[in-house]
Amino acid sequence: MRSPLSPEELDALARRRANAKMGWYLHALVFVLVNALVFAMSRYAFGTRPWSVYPLLGWGLGLGLHGVSVFLLGNGSGLRERMVQREREALQREQAHARDRQPRP
């Protein structure tokens, strides 16, 4: 099991997580504002074809992936922490196994 984090480590982790989430919220706000403007331009200024759906879909995919990286895979997320813990345990087992196989004087 992982040792408890110090207060400084907890603070640093909390700040990184909060900054990542704030970055996503800002990204989502800009996405909504810009795509509303682009929709208005495609609807009222540059013809009647709904071409604004293409940038919306592309940027929406990017926003979705950004959200996955922040909320599911980001620093301190449960999934990432479990994966790191599994890798740490596997490396520790390998080291212990290698130590056990070394000849003793």
PDB file of N, CA and C in Angstrom:
ATOM      1  N   MET A   1       0.838  -1.184   0.000  1.00  0.00           N
ATOM      2  CA  MET A   1       0.000   0.000   0.000  1.00  0.00           C
ATOM      3  C   MET A   1       0.878   1.241   0.000  1.00  0.00           C
ATOM      4  N   ARG A   2       0.393   2.294  -0.555  1.00  0.00           N
ATOM      5  CA  ARG A   2       1.150   3.536  -0.676  1.00  0.00           C
ATOM      6  C   ARG A   2       1.182   4.264   0.657  1.00  0.00           C
ATOM      7  N   SER A   3       2.330   4.858   0.954  1.00  0.00           N
ATOM      8  CA  SER A   3       2.430   5.614   2.198  1.00  0.00           C
ATOM      9  C   SER A   3       1.612   6.895   2.086  1.00  0.00           C
ATOM     10  N   PRO A   4       1.108   7.400   3.216  1.00  0.00           N
ATOM     11  CA  PRO A   4       0.303   8.625   3.179  1.00  0.00           C
ATOM     12  C   PRO A   4       1.130   9.812   2.673  1.00  0.00           C
ATOM     13  N   LEU A   5       0.446  10.733   2.034  1.00  0.00           N
ATOM     14  CA  LEU A   5       1.112  11.921   1.510  1.00  0.00           C
ATOM     15  C   LEU A   5       1.315  12.931   2.628  1.00  0.00           C
ATOM     16  N   SER A   6       2.407  13.654   2.531  1.00  0.00           N
ATOM     17  CA  SER A   6       2.654  14.731   3.488  1.00  0.00           C
ATOM     18  C   SER A   6       1.700  15.889   3.181  1.00  0.00           C
ATOM     19  N   PRO A   7       1.512  16.809   4.118  1.00  0.00           N
ATOM     20  CA  PRO A   7       0.632  17.963   3.846  1.00  0.00           C
ATOM     21  C   PRO A   7       1.074  18.755   2.614  1.00  0.00           C
ATOM     22  N   GLU A   8       2.387  18.881   2.399  1.00  0.00           N
ATOM     23  CA  GLU A   8       2.884  19.613   1.226  1.00  0.00           C
ATOM     24  C   GLU A   8       2.553  18.871  -0.058  1.00  0.00           C
ATOM     25  N   GLU A   9       2.709  17.541  -0.027  1.00  0.00           N
ATOM     26  CA  GLU A   9       2.383  16.747  -1.214  1.00  0.00           C
ATOM     27  C   GLU A   9       0.882  16.787  -1.505  1.00  0.00           C
ATOM     28  N   LEU A  10       0.076  16.731  -0.460  1.00  0.00           N
ATOM     29  CA  LEU A  10      -1.371  16.838  -0.639  1.00  0.00           C
ATOM     30  C   LEU A  10      -1.756  18.179  -1.256  1.00  0.00           C
ATOM     31  N   ASP A  11      -1.135  19.246  -0.761  1.00  0.00           N
ATOM     32  CA  ASP A  11      -1.417  20.580  -1.290  1.00  0.00           C
ATOM     33  C   ASP A  11      -1.008  20.685  -2.753  1.00  0.00           C
ATOM     34  N   ALA A  12       0.177  20.167  -3.082  1.00  0.00           N
ATOM     35  CA  ALA A  12       0.652  20.225  -4.472  1.00  0.00           C
ATOM     36  C   ALA A  12      -0.266  19.414  -5.392  1.00  0.00           C
ATOM     37  N   LEU A  13      -0.675  18.231  -4.947  1.00  0.00           N
ATOM     38  CA  LEU A  13      -1.562  17.404  -5.754  1.00  0.00           C
ATOM     39  C   LEU A  13      -2.915  18.078  -5.929  1.00  0.00           C
ATOM     40  N   ALA A  14      -3.445  18.643  -4.860  1.00  0.00           N
ATOM     41  CA  ALA A  14      -4.735  19.342  -4.944  1.00  0.00           C
ATOM     42  C   ALA A  14      -4.650  20.529  -5.891  1.00  0.00           C
ATOM     43  N   ARG A  15      -3.557  21.269  -5.847  1.00  0.00           N
ATOM     44  CA  ARG A  15      -3.385  22.415  -6.751  1.00  0.00           C
ATOM     45  C   ARG A  15      -3.296  21.960  -8.206  1.00  0.00           C
ATOM     46  N   ARG A  16      -2.540  20.884  -8.473  1.00  0.00           N
ATOM     47  CA  ARG A  16      -2.427  20.375  -9.850  1.00  0.00           C
ATOM     48  C   ARG A  16      -3.788  19.934 -10.372  1.00  0.00           C
ATOM     49  N   ARG A  17      -4.544  19.225  -9.537  1.00  0.00           N
ATOM     50  CA  ARG A  17      -5.858  18.760  -9.969  1.00  0.00           C
ATOM     51  C   ARG A  17      -6.807  19.929 -10.210  1.00  0.00           C
ATOM     52  N   ALA A  18      -6.794  20.909  -9.306  1.00  0.00           N
ATOM     53  CA  ALA A  18      -7.669  22.077  -9.464  1.00  0.00           C
ATOM     54  C   ALA A  18      -7.282  22.873 -10.710  1.00  0.00           C
ATOM     55  N   ASN A  19      -5.984  23.037 -10.959  1.00  0.00           N
ATOM     56  CA  ASN A  19      -5.536  23.759 -12.149  1.00  0.00           C
ATOM     57  C   ASN A  19      -5.948  23.029 -13.426  1.00  0.00           C
ATOM     58  N   ALA A  20      -5.842  21.710 -13.425  1.00  0.00           N
ATOM     59  CA  ALA A  20      -6.241  20.936 -14.607  1.00  0.00           C
ATOM     60  C   ALA A  20      -7.741  21.092 -14.860  1.00  0.00           C
ATOM     61  N   LYS A  21      -8.546  21.046 -13.796  1.00  0.00           N
ATOM     62  CA  LYS A  21      -9.992  21.195 -13.958  1.00  0.00           C
ATOM     63  C   LYS A  21     -10.354  22.609 -14.404  1.00  0.00           C
ATOM     64  N   MET A  22      -9.690  23.614 -13.843  1.00  0.00           N
ATOM     65  CA  MET A  22      -9.944  24.992 -14.274  1.00  0.00           C
ATOM     66  C   MET A  22      -9.565  25.174 -15.735  1.00  0.00           C
ATOM     67  N   GLY A  23      -8.488  24.547 -16.167  1.00  0.00           N
ATOM     68  CA  GLY A  23      -8.100  24.603 -17.573  1.00  0.00           C
ATOM     69  C   GLY A  23      -9.168  24.012 -18.471  1.00  0.00           C
ATOM     70  N   TRP A  24      -9.772  22.900 -18.032  1.00  0.00           N
ATOM     71  CA  TRP A  24     -10.831  22.299 -18.843  1.00  0.00           C
ATOM     72  C   TRP A  24     -12.068  23.188 -18.874  1.00  0.00           C
ATOM     73  N   TYR A  25     -12.434  23.767 -17.736  1.00  0.00           N
ATOM     74  CA  TYR A  25     -13.608  24.643 -17.701  1.00  0.00           C
ATOM     75  C   TYR A  25     -13.401  25.862 -18.597  1.00  0.00           C
ATOM     76  N   LEU A  26     -12.200  26.415 -18.598  1.00  0.00           N
ATOM     77  CA  LEU A  26     -11.899  27.548 -19.483  1.00  0.00           C
ATOM     78  C   LEU A  26     -11.986  27.105 -20.943  1.00  0.00           C
ATOM     79  N   HIS A  27     -11.449  25.939 -21.243  1.00  0.00           N
ATOM     80  CA  HIS A  27     -11.509  25.388 -22.594  1.00  0.00           C
ATOM     81  C   HIS A  27     -12.971  25.228 -23.024  1.00  0.00           C
ATOM     82  N   ALA A  28     -13.822  24.707 -22.131  1.00  0.00           N
ATOM     83  CA  ALA A  28     -15.241  24.513 -22.453  1.00  0.00           C
ATOM     84  C   ALA A  28     -15.942  25.854 -22.685  1.00  0.00           C
ATOM     85  N   LEU A  29     -15.622  26.860 -21.875  1.00  0.00           N
ATOM     86  CA  LEU A  29     -16.232  28.181 -22.044  1.00  0.00           C
ATOM     87  C   LEU A  29     -15.854  28.787 -23.392  1.00  0.00           C
ATOM     88  N   VAL A  30     -14.581  28.726 -23.739  1.00  0.00           N
ATOM     89  CA  VAL A  30     -14.122  29.265 -25.029  1.00  0.00           C
ATOM     90  C   VAL A  30     -14.771  28.482 -26.165  1.00  0.00           C
ATOM     91  N   PHE A  31     -14.893  27.164 -26.017  1.00  0.00           N
ATOM     92  CA  PHE A  31     -15.538  26.319 -27.019  1.00  0.00           C
ATOM     93  C   PHE A  31     -16.970  26.803 -27.291  1.00  0.00           C
ATOM     94  N   VAL A  32     -17.722  27.028 -26.223  1.00  0.00           N
ATOM     95  CA  VAL A  32     -19.121  27.450 -26.378  1.00  0.00           C
ATOM     96  C   VAL A  32     -19.190  28.830 -27.033  1.00  0.00           C
ATOM     97  N   LEU A  33     -18.391  29.780 -26.556  1.00  0.00           N
ATOM     98  CA  LEU A  33     -18.445  31.141 -27.095  1.00  0.00           C
ATOM     99  C   LEU A  33     -18.027  31.191 -28.560  1.00  0.00           C
ATOM    100  N   VAL A  34     -16.916  30.574 -28.884  1.00  0.00           N
ATOM    101  CA  VAL A  34     -16.420  30.620 -30.261  1.00  0.00           C
ATOM    102  C   VAL A  34     -17.367  29.879 -31.196  1.00  0.00           C
ATOM    103  N   ASN A  35     -17.854  28.726 -30.773  1.00  0.00           N
ATOM    104  CA  ASN A  35     -18.741  27.979 -31.665  1.00  0.00           C
ATOM    105  C   ASN A  35     -20.091  28.655 -31.837  1.00  0.00           C
ATOM    106  N   ALA A  36     -20.555  29.402 -30.846  1.00  0.00           N
ATOM    107  CA  ALA A  36     -21.775  30.195 -31.024  1.00  0.00           C
ATOM    108  C   ALA A  36     -21.548  31.277 -32.078  1.00  0.00           C
ATOM    109  N   LEU A  37     -20.378  31.908 -32.025  1.00  0.00           N
ATOM    110  CA  LEU A  37     -20.035  32.927 -33.024  1.00  0.00           C
ATOM    111  C   LEU A  37     -19.906  32.297 -34.412  1.00  0.00           C
ATOM    112  N   VAL A  38     -19.245  31.172 -34.496  1.00  0.00           N
ATOM    113  CA  VAL A  38     -19.069  30.495 -35.782  1.00  0.00           C
ATOM    114  C   VAL A  38     -20.422  30.048 -36.334  1.00  0.00           C
ATOM    115  N   PHE A  39     -21.296  29.556 -35.471  1.00  0.00           N
ATOM    116  CA  PHE A  39     -22.632  29.159 -35.912  1.00  0.00           C
ATOM    117  C   PHE A  39     -23.392  30.363 -36.462  1.00  0.00           C
ATOM    118  N   ALA A  40     -23.313  31.477 -35.741  1.00  0.00           N
ATOM    119  CA  ALA A  40     -24.002  32.691 -36.202  1.00  0.00           C
ATOM    120  C   ALA A  40     -23.454  33.135 -37.555  1.00  0.00           C
ATOM    121  N   MET A  41     -22.139  33.050 -37.723  1.00  0.00           N
ATOM    122  CA  MET A  41     -21.540  33.439 -39.006  1.00  0.00           C
ATOM    123  C   MET A  41     -22.000  32.503 -40.123  1.00  0.00           C
ATOM    124  N   SER A  42     -22.056  31.212 -39.858  1.00  0.00           N
ATOM    125  CA  SER A  42     -22.455  30.279 -40.913  1.00  0.00           C
ATOM    126  C   SER A  42     -23.943  30.405 -41.228  1.00  0.00           C
ATOM    127  N   ARG A  43     -24.710  30.816 -40.272  1.00  0.00           N
ATOM    128  CA  ARG A  43     -26.162  30.910 -40.453  1.00  0.00           C
ATOM    129  C   ARG A  43     -26.571  32.226 -41.105  1.00  0.00           C
ATOM    130  N   TYR A  44     -25.939  33.315 -40.687  1.00  0.00           N
ATOM    131  CA  TYR A  44     -26.420  34.633 -41.096  1.00  0.00           C
ATOM    132  C   TYR A  44     -25.454  35.427 -41.975  1.00  0.00           C
ATOM    133  N   ALA A  45     -24.175  35.071 -41.998  1.00  0.00           N
ATOM    134  CA  ALA A  45     -23.230  35.922 -42.727  1.00  0.00           C
ATOM    135  C   ALA A  45     -22.659  35.276 -43.979  1.00  0.00           C
ATOM    136  N   PHE A  46     -22.342  33.992 -43.928  1.00  0.00           N
ATOM    137  CA  PHE A  46     -21.624  33.364 -45.035  1.00  0.00           C
ATOM    138  C   PHE A  46     -22.404  32.223 -45.651  1.00  0.00           C
ATOM    139  N   GLY A  47     -23.599  32.467 -46.075  1.00  0.00           N
ATOM    140  CA  GLY A  47     -24.397  31.448 -46.746  1.00  0.00           C
ATOM    141  C   GLY A  47     -25.321  30.720 -45.791  1.00  0.00           C
ATOM    142  N   THR A  48     -26.048  29.798 -46.363  1.00  0.00           N
ATOM    143  CA  THR A  48     -27.056  29.103 -45.571  1.00  0.00           C
ATOM    144  C   THR A  48     -26.671  27.665 -45.248  1.00  0.00           C
ATOM    145  N   ARG A  49     -25.578  27.193 -45.802  1.00  0.00           N
ATOM    146  CA  ARG A  49     -25.156  25.819 -45.504  1.00  0.00           C
ATOM    147  C   ARG A  49     -24.572  25.757 -44.095  1.00  0.00           C
ATOM    148  N   PRO A  50     -24.909  24.742 -43.325  1.00  0.00           N
ATOM    149  CA  PRO A  50     -24.429  24.660 -41.937  1.00  0.00           C
ATOM    150  C   PRO A  50     -22.999  24.118 -41.838  1.00  0.00           C
ATOM    151  N   TRP A  51     -22.045  24.888 -42.351  1.00  0.00           N
ATOM    152  CA  TRP A  51     -20.649  24.453 -42.330  1.00  0.00           C
ATOM    153  C   TRP A  51     -20.046  24.516 -40.928  1.00  0.00           C
ATOM    154  N   SER A  52     -20.704  25.204 -40.011  1.00  0.00           N
ATOM    155  CA  SER A  52     -20.140  25.356 -38.667  1.00  0.00           C
ATOM    156  C   SER A  52     -20.108  24.043 -37.886  1.00  0.00           C
ATOM    157  N   VAL A  53     -20.805  23.027 -38.376  1.00  0.00           N
ATOM    158  CA  VAL A  53     -20.818  21.756 -37.667  1.00  0.00           C
ATOM    159  C   VAL A  53     -19.440  21.083 -37.716  1.00  0.00           C
ATOM    160  N   TYR A  54     -18.659  21.324 -38.749  1.00  0.00           N
ATOM    161  CA  TYR A  54     -17.358  20.667 -38.877  1.00  0.00           C
ATOM    162  C   TYR A  54     -16.357  21.155 -37.830  1.00  0.00           C
ATOM    163  N   PRO A  55     -16.159  22.472 -37.658  1.00  0.00           N
ATOM    164  CA  PRO A  55     -15.263  22.877 -36.572  1.00  0.00           C
ATOM    165  C   PRO A  55     -15.813  22.475 -35.201  1.00  0.00           C
ATOM    166  N   LEU A  56     -17.140  22.504 -35.057  1.00  0.00           N
ATOM    167  CA  LEU A  56     -17.747  22.117 -33.788  1.00  0.00           C
ATOM    168  C   LEU A  56     -17.424  20.666 -33.453  1.00  0.00           C
ATOM    169  N   LEU A  57     -17.539  19.768 -34.414  1.00  0.00           N
ATOM    170  CA  LEU A  57     -17.248  18.354 -34.171  1.00  0.00           C
ATOM    171  C   LEU A  57     -15.769  18.119 -33.883  1.00  0.00           C
ATOM    172  N   GLY A  58     -14.901  18.759 -34.657  1.00  0.00           N
ATOM    173  CA  GLY A  58     -13.465  18.588 -34.432  1.00  0.00           C
ATOM    174  C   GLY A  58     -13.028  19.105 -33.079  1.00  0.00           C
ATOM    175  N   TRP A  59     -13.432  20.303 -32.773  1.00  0.00           N
ATOM    176  CA  TRP A  59     -13.061  20.905 -31.497  1.00  0.00           C
ATOM    177  C   TRP A  59     -13.754  20.173 -30.353  1.00  0.00           C
ATOM    178  N   GLY A  60     -14.987  19.713 -30.588  1.00  0.00           N
ATOM    179  CA  GLY A  60     -15.710  18.949 -29.568  1.00  0.00           C
ATOM    180  C   GLY A  60     -14.980  17.657 -29.217  1.00  0.00           C
ATOM    181  N   LEU A  61     -14.425  17.004 -30.233  1.00  0.00           N
ATOM    182  CA  LEU A  61     -13.627  15.814 -29.980  1.00  0.00           C
ATOM    183  C   LEU A  61     -12.407  16.163 -29.122  1.00  0.00           C
ATOM    184  N   GLY A  62     -11.738  17.254 -29.464  1.00  0.00           N
ATOM    185  CA  GLY A  62     -10.588  17.690 -28.669  1.00  0.00           C
ATOM    186  C   GLY A  62     -10.980  18.020 -27.238  1.00  0.00           C
ATOM    187  N   LEU A  63     -12.110  18.694 -27.064  1.00  0.00           N
ATOM    188  CA  LEU A  63     -12.592  19.031 -25.728  1.00  0.00           C
ATOM    189  C   LEU A  63     -12.935  17.764 -24.950  1.00  0.00           C
ATOM    190  N   GLY A  64     -13.542  16.805 -25.614  1.00  0.00           N
ATOM    191  CA  GLY A  64     -13.864  15.543 -24.958  1.00  0.00           C
ATOM    192  C   GLY A  64     -12.621  14.799 -24.503  1.00  0.00           C
ATOM    193  N   LEU A  65     -11.608  14.743 -25.374  1.00  0.00           N
ATOM    194  CA  LEU A  65     -10.353  14.082 -24.998  1.00  0.00           C
ATOM    195  C   LEU A  65      -9.647  14.825 -23.866  1.00  0.00           C
ATOM    196  N   HIS A  66      -9.721  16.144 -23.900  1.00  0.00           N
ATOM    197  CA  HIS A  66      -9.161  16.946 -22.813  1.00  0.00           C
ATOM    198  C   HIS A  66      -9.872  16.584 -21.504  1.00  0.00           C
ATOM    199  N   GLY A  67     -11.194  16.464 -21.550  1.00  0.00           N
ATOM    200  CA  GLY A  67     -11.955  16.091 -20.365  1.00  0.00           C
ATOM    201  C   GLY A  67     -11.579  14.714 -19.844  1.00  0.00           C
ATOM    202  N   VAL A  68     -11.402  13.762 -20.748  1.00  0.00           N
ATOM    203  CA  VAL A  68     -10.979  12.418 -20.336  1.00  0.00           C
ATOM    204  C   VAL A  68      -9.624  12.484 -19.646  1.00  0.00           C
ATOM    205  N   SER A  69      -8.689  13.247 -20.233  1.00  0.00           N
ATOM    206  CA  SER A  69      -7.356  13.334 -19.631  1.00  0.00           C
ATOM    207  C   SER A  69      -7.381  14.009 -18.271  1.00  0.00           C
ATOM    208  N   VAL A  70      -8.290  14.956 -18.073  1.00  0.00           N
ATOM    209  CA  VAL A  70      -8.360  15.668 -16.791  1.00  0.00           C
ATOM    210  C   VAL A  70      -9.119  14.866 -15.749  1.00  0.00           C
ATOM    211  N   PHE A  71     -10.315  14.390 -16.100  1.00  0.00           N
ATOM    212  CA  PHE A  71     -11.199  13.799 -15.111  1.00  0.00           C
ATOM    213  C   PHE A  71     -11.014  12.299 -14.926  1.00  0.00           C
ATOM    214  N   LEU A  72     -10.505  11.598 -15.922  1.00  0.00           N
ATOM    215  CA  LEU A  72     -10.343  10.155 -15.792  1.00  0.00           C
ATOM    216  C   LEU A  72      -8.892   9.717 -15.658  1.00  0.00           C
ATOM    217  N   LEU A  73      -8.000  10.360 -16.396  1.00  0.00           N
ATOM    218  CA  LEU A  73      -6.615   9.906 -16.434  1.00  0.00           C
ATOM    219  C   LEU A  73      -5.627  10.884 -15.816  1.00  0.00           C
ATOM    220  N   GLY A  74      -6.084  11.996 -15.321  1.00  0.00           N
ATOM    221  CA  GLY A  74      -5.200  13.044 -14.836  1.00  0.00           C
ATOM    222  C   GLY A  74      -4.445  12.688 -13.574  1.00  0.00           C
ATOM    223  N   ASN A  75      -3.520  13.561 -13.199  1.00  0.00           N
ATOM    224  CA  ASN A  75      -2.735  13.377 -11.976  1.00  0.00           C
ATOM    225  C   ASN A  75      -3.651  13.184 -10.792  1.00  0.00           C
ATOM    226  N   GLY A  76      -3.436  12.131 -10.065  1.00  0.00           N
ATOM    227  CA  GLY A  76      -4.206  11.894  -8.866  1.00  0.00           C
ATOM    228  C   GLY A  76      -5.533  11.205  -9.096  1.00  0.00           C
ATOM    229  N   SER A  77      -5.861  10.903 -10.346  1.00  0.00           N
ATOM    230  CA  SER A  77      -7.136  10.213 -10.576  1.00  0.00           C
ATOM    231  C   SER A  77      -7.025   8.784 -10.087  1.00  0.00           C
ATOM    232  N   GLY A  78      -8.128   8.199  -9.776  1.00  0.00           N
ATOM    233  CA  GLY A  78      -8.137   6.837  -9.261  1.00  0.00           C
ATOM    234  C   GLY A  78      -7.519   5.849 -10.232  1.00  0.00           C
ATOM    235  N   LEU A  79      -7.851   5.951 -11.518  1.00  0.00           N
ATOM    236  CA  LEU A  79      -7.329   5.024 -12.508  1.00  0.00           C
ATOM    237  C   LEU A  79      -5.813   5.132 -12.608  1.00  0.00           C
ATOM    238  N   ARG A  80      -5.309   6.346 -12.725  1.00  0.00           N
ATOM    239  CA  ARG A  80      -3.860   6.526 -12.848  1.00  0.00           C
ATOM    240  C   ARG A  80      -3.150   6.049 -11.586  1.00  0.00           C
ATOM    241  N   GLU A  81      -3.697   6.380 -10.422  1.00  0.00           N
ATOM    242  CA  GLU A  81      -3.067   5.964  -9.170  1.00  0.00           C
ATOM    243  C   GLU A  81      -3.017   4.446  -9.056  1.00  0.00           C
ATOM    244  N   ARG A  82      -4.095   3.765  -9.456  1.00  0.00           N
ATOM    245  CA  ARG A  82      -4.099   2.295  -9.406  1.00  0.00           C
ATOM    246  C   ARG A  82      -3.076   1.711 -10.368  1.00  0.00           C
ATOM    247  N   MET A  83      -2.967   2.297 -11.574  1.00  0.00           N
ATOM    248  CA  MET A  83      -1.988   1.803 -12.547  1.00  0.00           C
ATOM    249  C   MET A  83      -0.567   2.014 -12.044  1.00  0.00           C
ATOM    250  N   VAL A  84      -0.304   3.183 -11.488  1.00  0.00           N
ATOM    251  CA  VAL A  84       1.028   3.470 -10.955  1.00  0.00           C
ATOM    252  C   VAL A  84       1.344   2.507  -9.809  1.00  0.00           C
ATOM    253  N   GLN A  85       0.367   2.278  -8.946  1.00  0.00           N
ATOM    254  CA  GLN A  85       0.570   1.368  -7.819  1.00  0.00           C
ATOM    255  C   GLN A  85       0.874  -0.047  -8.319  1.00  0.00           C
ATOM    256  N   ARG A  86       0.147  -0.521  -9.321  1.00  0.00           N
ATOM    257  CA  ARG A  86       0.409  -1.856  -9.870  1.00  0.00           C
ATOM    258  C   ARG A  86       1.816  -1.952 -10.451  1.00  0.00           C
ATOM    259  N   GLU A  87       2.220  -0.918 -11.192  1.00  0.00           N
ATOM    260  CA  GLU A  87       3.564  -0.924 -11.777  1.00  0.00           C
ATOM    261  C   GLU A  87       4.630  -0.884 -10.687  1.00  0.00           C
ATOM    262  N   ARG A  88       4.407  -0.082  -9.663  1.00  0.00           N
ATOM    263  CA  ARG A  88       5.358   0.010  -8.553  1.00  0.00           C
ATOM    264  C   ARG A  88       5.512  -1.354  -7.875  1.00  0.00           C
ATOM    265  N   GLU A  89       4.392  -2.027  -7.630  1.00  0.00           N
ATOM    266  CA  GLU A  89       4.435  -3.340  -6.989  1.00  0.00           C
ATOM    267  C   GLU A  89       5.132  -4.366  -7.873  1.00  0.00           C
ATOM    268  N   ALA A  90       4.883  -4.316  -9.189  1.00  0.00           N
ATOM    269  CA  ALA A  90       5.542  -5.246 -10.109  1.00  0.00           C
ATOM    270  C   ALA A  90       7.048  -5.025 -10.113  1.00  0.00           C
ATOM    271  N   LEU A  91       7.478  -3.769 -10.127  1.00  0.00           N
ATOM    272  CA  LEU A  91       8.912  -3.472 -10.094  1.00  0.00           C
ATOM    273  C   LEU A  91       9.534  -3.921  -8.778  1.00  0.00           C
ATOM    274  N   GLN A  92       8.836  -3.730  -7.691  1.00  0.00           N
ATOM    275  CA  GLN A  92       9.359  -4.168  -6.394  1.00  0.00           C
ATOM    276  C   GLN A  92       9.487  -5.688  -6.359  1.00  0.00           C
ATOM    277  N   ARG A  93       8.511  -6.409  -6.924  1.00  0.00           N
ATOM    278  CA  ARG A  93       8.603  -7.875  -6.977  1.00  0.00           C
ATOM    279  C   ARG A  93       9.786  -8.309  -7.830  1.00  0.00           C
ATOM    280  N   GLU A  94       9.996  -7.628  -8.976  1.00  0.00           N
ATOM    281  CA  GLU A  94      11.137  -7.963  -9.839  1.00  0.00           C
ATOM    282  C   GLU A  94      12.452  -7.743  -9.108  1.00  0.00           C
ATOM    283  N   GLN A  95      12.573  -6.641  -8.402  1.00  0.00           N
ATOM    284  CA  GLN A  95      13.800  -6.364  -7.658  1.00  0.00           C
ATOM    285  C   GLN A  95      14.026  -7.397  -6.563  1.00  0.00           C
ATOM    286  N   ALA A  96      12.975  -7.758  -5.854  1.00  0.00           N
ATOM    287  CA  ALA A  96      13.102  -8.756  -4.791  1.00  0.00           C
ATOM    288  C   ALA A  96      13.484 -10.103  -5.379  1.00  0.00           C
ATOM    289  N   HIS A  97      12.892 -10.451  -6.515  1.00  0.00           N
ATOM    290  CA  HIS A  97      13.214 -11.719  -7.169  1.00  0.00           C
ATOM    291  C   HIS A  97      14.670 -11.728  -7.630  1.00  0.00           C
ATOM    292  N   ALA A  98      15.139 -10.599  -8.192  1.00  0.00           N
ATOM    293  CA  ALA A  98      16.539 -10.518  -8.657  1.00  0.00           C
ATOM    294  C   ALA A  98      17.488 -10.618  -7.462  1.00  0.00           C
ATOM    295  N   ARG A  99      17.142 -10.010  -6.340  1.00  0.00           N
ATOM    296  CA  ARG A  99      17.985 -10.071  -5.140  1.00  0.00           C
ATOM    297  C   ARG A  99      18.054 -11.504  -4.621  1.00  0.00           C
ATOM    298  N   ASP A 100      16.922 -12.204  -4.678  1.00  0.00           N
ATOM    299  CA  ASP A 100      16.887 -13.582  -4.181  1.00  0.00           C
ATOM    300  C   ASP A 100      17.719 -14.522  -5.043  1.00  0.00           C
ATOM    301  N   ARG A 101      17.856 -14.206  -6.330  1.00  0.00           N
ATOM    302  CA  ARG A 101      18.599 -15.076  -7.242  1.00  0.00           C
ATOM    303  C   ARG A 101      20.097 -14.826  -7.200  1.00  0.00           C
ATOM    304  N   GLN A 102      20.538 -13.732  -6.615  1.00  0.00           N
ATOM    305  CA  GLN A 102      21.967 -13.434  -6.563  1.00  0.00           C
ATOM    306  C   GLN A 102      22.646 -14.383  -5.587  1.00  0.00           C
ATOM    307  N   PRO A 103      23.824 -14.876  -5.979  1.00  0.00           N
ATOM    308  CA  PRO A 103      24.561 -15.779  -5.074  1.00  0.00           C
ATOM    309  C   PRO A 103      25.045 -14.999  -3.845  1.00  0.00           C
ATOM    310  N   ARG A 104      24.983 -15.666  -2.745  1.00  0.00           N
ATOM    311  CA  ARG A 104      25.414 -15.043  -1.490  1.00  0.00           C
ATOM    312  C   ARG A 104      26.824 -15.520  -1.147  1.00  0.00           C
ATOM    313  N   PRO A 105      27.657 -14.626  -0.641  1.00  0.00           N
ATOM    314  CA  PRO A 105      29.045 -15.031  -0.304  1.00  0.00           C
ATOM    315  C   PRO A 105      29.109 -15.881   0.948  1.00  0.00           C
TER     316      PRO A 105
END
